[in-house]
Amino acid sequence: MNLLEIRNVIKSYLSPEGERTVVIDVPTFDLGGGEQVALRGSSGSGKTTFLNLIAGILKADSGRIIVDGHEVTALSEAKRDEFRASTISYVFQTFNLLQGYTAVENVLLGMMFGPGPDLAFAKALLERVGLSDRLNYRPRQLSVGQQQRVAVARALANRPRLILADEPTGNLDQVRAQEALALLRDTCRETGASLLLVSHDREVLRVFDRVEELSRVNQAGRRSLQPEPQDVKQ
């Protein structure tokens, strides 16, 4: 059974000149329950926009995105936020850690909309990414690589049904990258969560049984649509 189903999803942006450019055009894409899939995507391929649409951070112009039986594209912004917090975790390329909180507090915050705070589990996640001695460090006191590992641990904190990862190992050395990737994959197997990861790193991609080319999934080319009347007024 599919955990994620995408049908005829289009996302476009309006330029200052009033021309609408399609950046995402995905006729169909499926991800099974518990399946782990990697998308090979280079800069400018629409990878972050694609993940943001699935997460409900962005709203598609048209089409359907169904996650765990819920049509994300039919939800209001508030309901999308609520659904994402309880069902989807996202390893952002820019981490999005809260600067005023420690590493362990950032992980605990990731549990707020799931099963609830679990300090022992939060500490265990940070230990698995090699940060047992940095529990009470704030992001500014951590290296870029360490911040990335906190972000990975936080994404696993609410035991989500779907994990989206945007270049989750991009700021890590080879050893830490493999550890973070193993943590993501092992935890997904343990919990039955699905994983959709975007990367251009061959070492990351080679461990996945299913690797898709984002340029094939996303059929958007350098084409434009005529602006609608309401778009011109904006």
Protein backbone atom coordinates (compact mmCIF):
# COMPACT_ATOMS: atom_id res chain seq x y z
CA MET A 1 0.00 0.00 0.00
CA ASN A 2 1.28 3.45 -0.89
CA LEU A 3 1.98 5.92 1.87
CA LEU A 4 2.50 8.75 -0.63
CA GLU A 5 0.62 9.29 -3.88
CA ILE A 6 1.14 12.25 -6.20
CA ARG A 7 -1.08 12.86 -9.20
CA ASN A 8 -0.75 15.67 -11.76
CA VAL A 9 0.84 18.14 -9.35
CA ILE A 10 1.87 21.49 -10.79
CA LYS A 11 3.56 24.39 -9.04
CA SER A 12 4.46 27.64 -10.75
CA TYR A 13 5.73 31.07 -9.80
CA LEU A 14 4.90 34.49 -11.14
CA SER A 15 7.77 36.65 -12.28
CA PRO A 16 7.83 40.45 -11.78
CA GLU A 17 7.08 40.72 -15.49
CA GLY A 18 3.82 38.81 -15.04
CA GLU A 19 5.00 35.58 -16.65
CA ARG A 20 4.22 32.33 -14.87
CA THR A 21 6.97 29.70 -14.91
CA VAL A 22 6.23 26.08 -14.08
CA VAL A 23 8.86 24.63 -11.74
CA ILE A 24 7.12 21.40 -10.73
CA ASP A 25 5.10 19.20 -13.06
CA VAL A 26 4.80 15.67 -11.65
CA PRO A 27 2.19 13.48 -13.39
CA THR A 28 2.60 10.55 -11.00
CA PHE A 29 4.82 9.45 -8.14
CA ASP A 30 4.27 6.80 -5.46
CA LEU A 31 6.09 5.80 -2.31
CA GLY A 32 5.13 2.63 -0.50
CA GLY A 33 4.67 2.25 3.22
CA GLY A 34 8.08 1.61 4.75
CA GLU A 35 9.80 2.16 1.41
CA GLN A 36 13.05 4.13 1.16
CA VAL A 37 13.61 6.05 -2.07
CA ALA A 38 16.35 8.41 -3.17
CA LEU A 39 15.86 11.15 -5.73
CA ARG A 40 18.96 12.24 -7.58
CA GLY A 41 18.62 15.98 -7.98
CA SER A 42 21.09 18.71 -8.77
CA SER A 43 20.82 22.39 -7.86
CA GLY A 44 17.94 24.05 -9.70
CA SER A 45 16.09 20.80 -10.38
CA GLY A 46 13.17 21.74 -8.14
CA LYS A 47 14.05 19.28 -5.37
CA THR A 48 13.37 21.58 -2.43
CA THR A 49 10.10 22.84 -3.95
CA PHE A 50 9.03 19.24 -4.55
CA LEU A 51 9.67 18.25 -0.93
CA ASN A 52 7.97 21.42 0.33
CA LEU A 53 4.85 20.56 -1.65
CA ILE A 54 4.74 17.06 -0.16
CA ALA A 55 5.22 18.48 3.34
CA GLY A 56 2.45 21.02 2.80
CA ILE A 57 4.79 23.96 3.32
CA LEU A 58 3.86 25.08 -0.18
CA LYS A 59 0.47 24.62 -1.82
CA ALA A 60 0.30 23.20 -5.31
CA ASP A 61 -1.48 25.09 -8.08
CA SER A 62 -3.29 21.90 -9.04
CA GLY A 63 -3.18 18.15 -8.58
CA ARG A 64 -3.38 15.84 -5.58
CA ILE A 65 -0.85 14.88 -2.90
CA ILE A 66 -2.04 12.12 -0.57
CA VAL A 67 -0.01 11.16 2.50
CA ASP A 68 -1.11 8.29 4.74
CA GLY A 69 -4.64 8.52 3.32
CA HIS A 70 -4.94 12.28 3.82
CA GLU A 71 -5.13 14.62 0.85
CA VAL A 72 -2.64 17.32 1.83
CA THR A 73 -3.61 19.50 -1.13
CA ALA A 74 -7.19 19.76 0.18
CA LEU A 75 -6.22 20.99 3.66
CA SER A 76 -6.12 24.57 4.86
CA GLU A 77 -2.75 26.03 5.81
CA ALA A 78 -3.44 25.51 9.51
CA LYS A 79 -4.51 21.90 8.96
CA ARG A 80 -1.45 21.27 6.78
CA ASP A 81 0.77 22.54 9.60
CA GLU A 82 -1.01 20.31 12.09
CA PHE A 83 -0.81 17.27 9.82
CA ARG A 84 2.88 17.83 9.05
CA ALA A 85 3.72 18.11 12.74
CA SER A 86 2.09 14.78 13.55
CA THR A 87 2.88 12.70 10.46
CA ILE A 88 5.81 14.12 8.48
CA SER A 89 9.35 14.97 9.52
CA TYR A 90 11.69 17.04 7.42
CA VAL A 91 15.48 17.21 7.49
CA PHE A 92 15.99 20.68 6.05
CA GLN A 93 19.07 21.61 4.09
CA THR A 94 19.35 24.73 6.27
CA PHE A 95 18.66 22.81 9.53
CA ASN A 96 16.04 25.28 10.92
CA LEU A 97 17.20 24.72 14.50
CA LEU A 98 15.92 27.12 17.16
CA GLN A 99 18.89 29.16 18.26
CA GLY A 100 17.67 29.82 21.80
CA TYR A 101 17.38 26.13 22.64
CA THR A 102 19.96 23.43 23.34
CA ALA A 103 20.50 20.40 21.13
CA VAL A 104 18.41 18.14 23.34
CA GLU A 105 15.68 20.79 23.63
CA ASN A 106 15.52 21.08 19.84
CA VAL A 107 14.98 17.33 19.63
CA LEU A 108 12.36 17.42 22.39
CA LEU A 109 10.49 20.14 20.50
CA GLY A 110 10.25 17.73 17.59
CA MET A 111 8.18 15.44 19.82
CA MET A 112 5.58 17.99 20.85
CA PHE A 113 3.00 17.00 18.22
CA GLY A 114 3.77 13.30 18.32
CA PRO A 115 3.80 10.92 21.28
CA GLY A 116 5.02 13.69 23.61
CA PRO A 117 8.41 14.61 25.09
CA ASP A 118 10.68 11.66 25.87
CA LEU A 119 13.99 12.84 27.29
CA ALA A 120 15.58 9.38 27.27
CA PHE A 121 14.71 8.87 23.59
CA ALA A 122 15.96 12.38 22.69
CA LYS A 123 19.28 11.69 24.40
CA ALA A 124 19.53 8.29 22.70
CA LEU A 125 19.01 9.86 19.26
CA LEU A 126 21.72 12.44 19.89
CA GLU A 127 24.03 9.74 21.17
CA ARG A 128 23.52 7.77 17.97
CA VAL A 129 24.68 10.76 15.91
CA GLY A 130 27.73 11.23 18.12
CA LEU A 131 26.51 14.19 20.18
CA SER A 132 26.16 12.71 23.65
CA ASP A 133 28.67 15.30 24.89
CA ARG A 134 26.83 18.21 23.26
CA LEU A 135 23.33 17.79 24.69
CA ASN A 136 23.26 21.21 26.31
CA TYR A 137 25.04 23.12 23.54
CA ARG A 138 23.08 25.68 21.57
CA PRO A 139 23.29 25.69 17.75
CA ARG A 140 25.73 28.61 17.64
CA GLN A 141 28.09 26.56 19.84
CA LEU A 142 28.04 23.65 17.39
CA SER A 143 29.83 23.17 14.09
CA VAL A 144 27.80 23.07 10.88
CA GLY A 145 28.16 19.30 10.77
CA GLN A 146 27.01 18.95 14.37
CA GLN A 147 23.98 21.13 13.68
CA GLN A 148 23.11 18.86 10.78
CA ARG A 149 23.25 15.84 13.09
CA VAL A 150 20.90 17.55 15.55
CA ALA A 151 18.52 18.17 12.65
CA VAL A 152 18.61 14.47 11.75
CA ALA A 153 17.91 13.45 15.35
CA ARG A 154 15.04 15.96 15.59
CA ALA A 155 13.44 14.63 12.40
CA LEU A 156 13.23 11.18 13.99
CA ALA A 157 11.91 12.44 17.31
CA ASN A 158 8.14 12.20 16.72
CA ARG A 159 8.36 8.76 15.09
CA PRO A 160 6.84 10.06 11.83
CA ARG A 161 5.13 8.06 9.10
CA LEU A 162 7.09 9.89 6.40
CA ILE A 163 10.56 11.44 6.53
CA LEU A 164 11.64 13.93 3.87
CA ALA A 165 15.35 14.68 3.67
CA ASP A 166 16.88 17.44 1.57
CA GLU A 167 20.62 16.74 1.20
CA PRO A 168 20.78 15.50 4.82
CA THR A 169 24.49 14.66 4.63
CA GLY A 170 25.59 17.66 2.58
CA ASN A 171 27.53 19.31 5.42
CA LEU A 172 29.04 16.19 6.96
CA ASP A 173 32.35 14.42 6.40
CA GLN A 174 32.21 10.93 4.92
CA VAL A 175 32.22 9.09 8.26
CA ARG A 176 29.53 11.26 9.86
CA ALA A 177 27.50 11.24 6.66
CA GLN A 178 27.35 7.45 6.69
CA GLU A 179 26.42 7.46 10.38
CA ALA A 180 23.61 9.99 9.87
CA LEU A 181 22.32 8.11 6.83
CA ALA A 182 22.41 4.80 8.71
CA LEU A 183 20.48 6.40 11.57
CA LEU A 184 17.78 7.64 9.21
CA ARG A 185 17.47 4.33 7.39
CA ASP A 186 17.66 2.10 10.46
CA THR A 187 15.07 4.13 12.36
CA CYS A 188 12.72 4.04 9.39
CA ARG A 189 13.04 0.27 9.27
CA GLU A 190 12.43 -0.02 13.01
CA THR A 191 9.33 2.20 12.96
CA GLY A 192 7.99 1.34 9.51
CA ALA A 193 8.32 4.93 8.33
CA SER A 194 8.87 5.78 4.68
CA LEU A 195 11.90 7.81 3.60
CA LEU A 196 12.17 10.11 0.61
CA LEU A 197 15.67 11.56 0.34
CA VAL A 198 17.08 13.96 -2.24
CA SER A 199 20.80 13.99 -2.90
CA HIS A 200 23.41 14.22 -5.63
CA ASP A 201 26.06 12.38 -3.57
CA ARG A 202 26.92 9.05 -5.21
CA GLU A 203 28.00 7.53 -1.89
CA VAL A 204 24.58 8.30 -0.45
CA LEU A 205 22.63 7.16 -3.49
CA ARG A 206 24.39 3.83 -3.85
CA VAL A 207 22.89 2.41 -0.62
CA PHE A 208 19.31 2.78 -1.93
CA ASP A 209 17.62 0.01 -3.89
CA ARG A 210 15.37 2.52 -5.63
CA VAL A 211 16.91 5.68 -7.04
CA GLU A 212 14.84 8.00 -9.24
CA GLU A 213 16.06 10.85 -11.41
CA LEU A 214 14.21 13.96 -10.27
CA SER A 215 14.56 15.37 -13.77
CA ARG A 216 12.40 12.47 -15.00
CA VAL A 217 9.88 12.60 -12.16
CA ASN A 218 9.54 16.35 -12.60
CA GLN A 219 8.62 17.09 -16.19
CA ALA A 220 8.64 20.84 -15.83
CA GLY A 221 10.77 22.46 -18.49
CA ARG A 222 11.51 26.08 -19.16
CA ARG A 223 7.95 26.77 -20.21
CA SER A 224 5.62 29.47 -19.00
CA LEU A 225 1.92 30.01 -18.58
CA GLN A 226 -0.01 33.16 -19.33
CA PRO A 227 -0.86 35.02 -16.12
CA GLU A 228 -4.40 34.85 -14.86
CA PRO A 229 -6.20 38.17 -14.24
CA GLN A 230 -5.90 37.89 -10.42
CA ASP A 231 -2.14 37.26 -10.74
CA VAL A 232 -1.63 40.49 -12.65
CA LYS A 233 -3.14 42.49 -9.78
CA GLN A 234 -0.73 41.05 -7.22
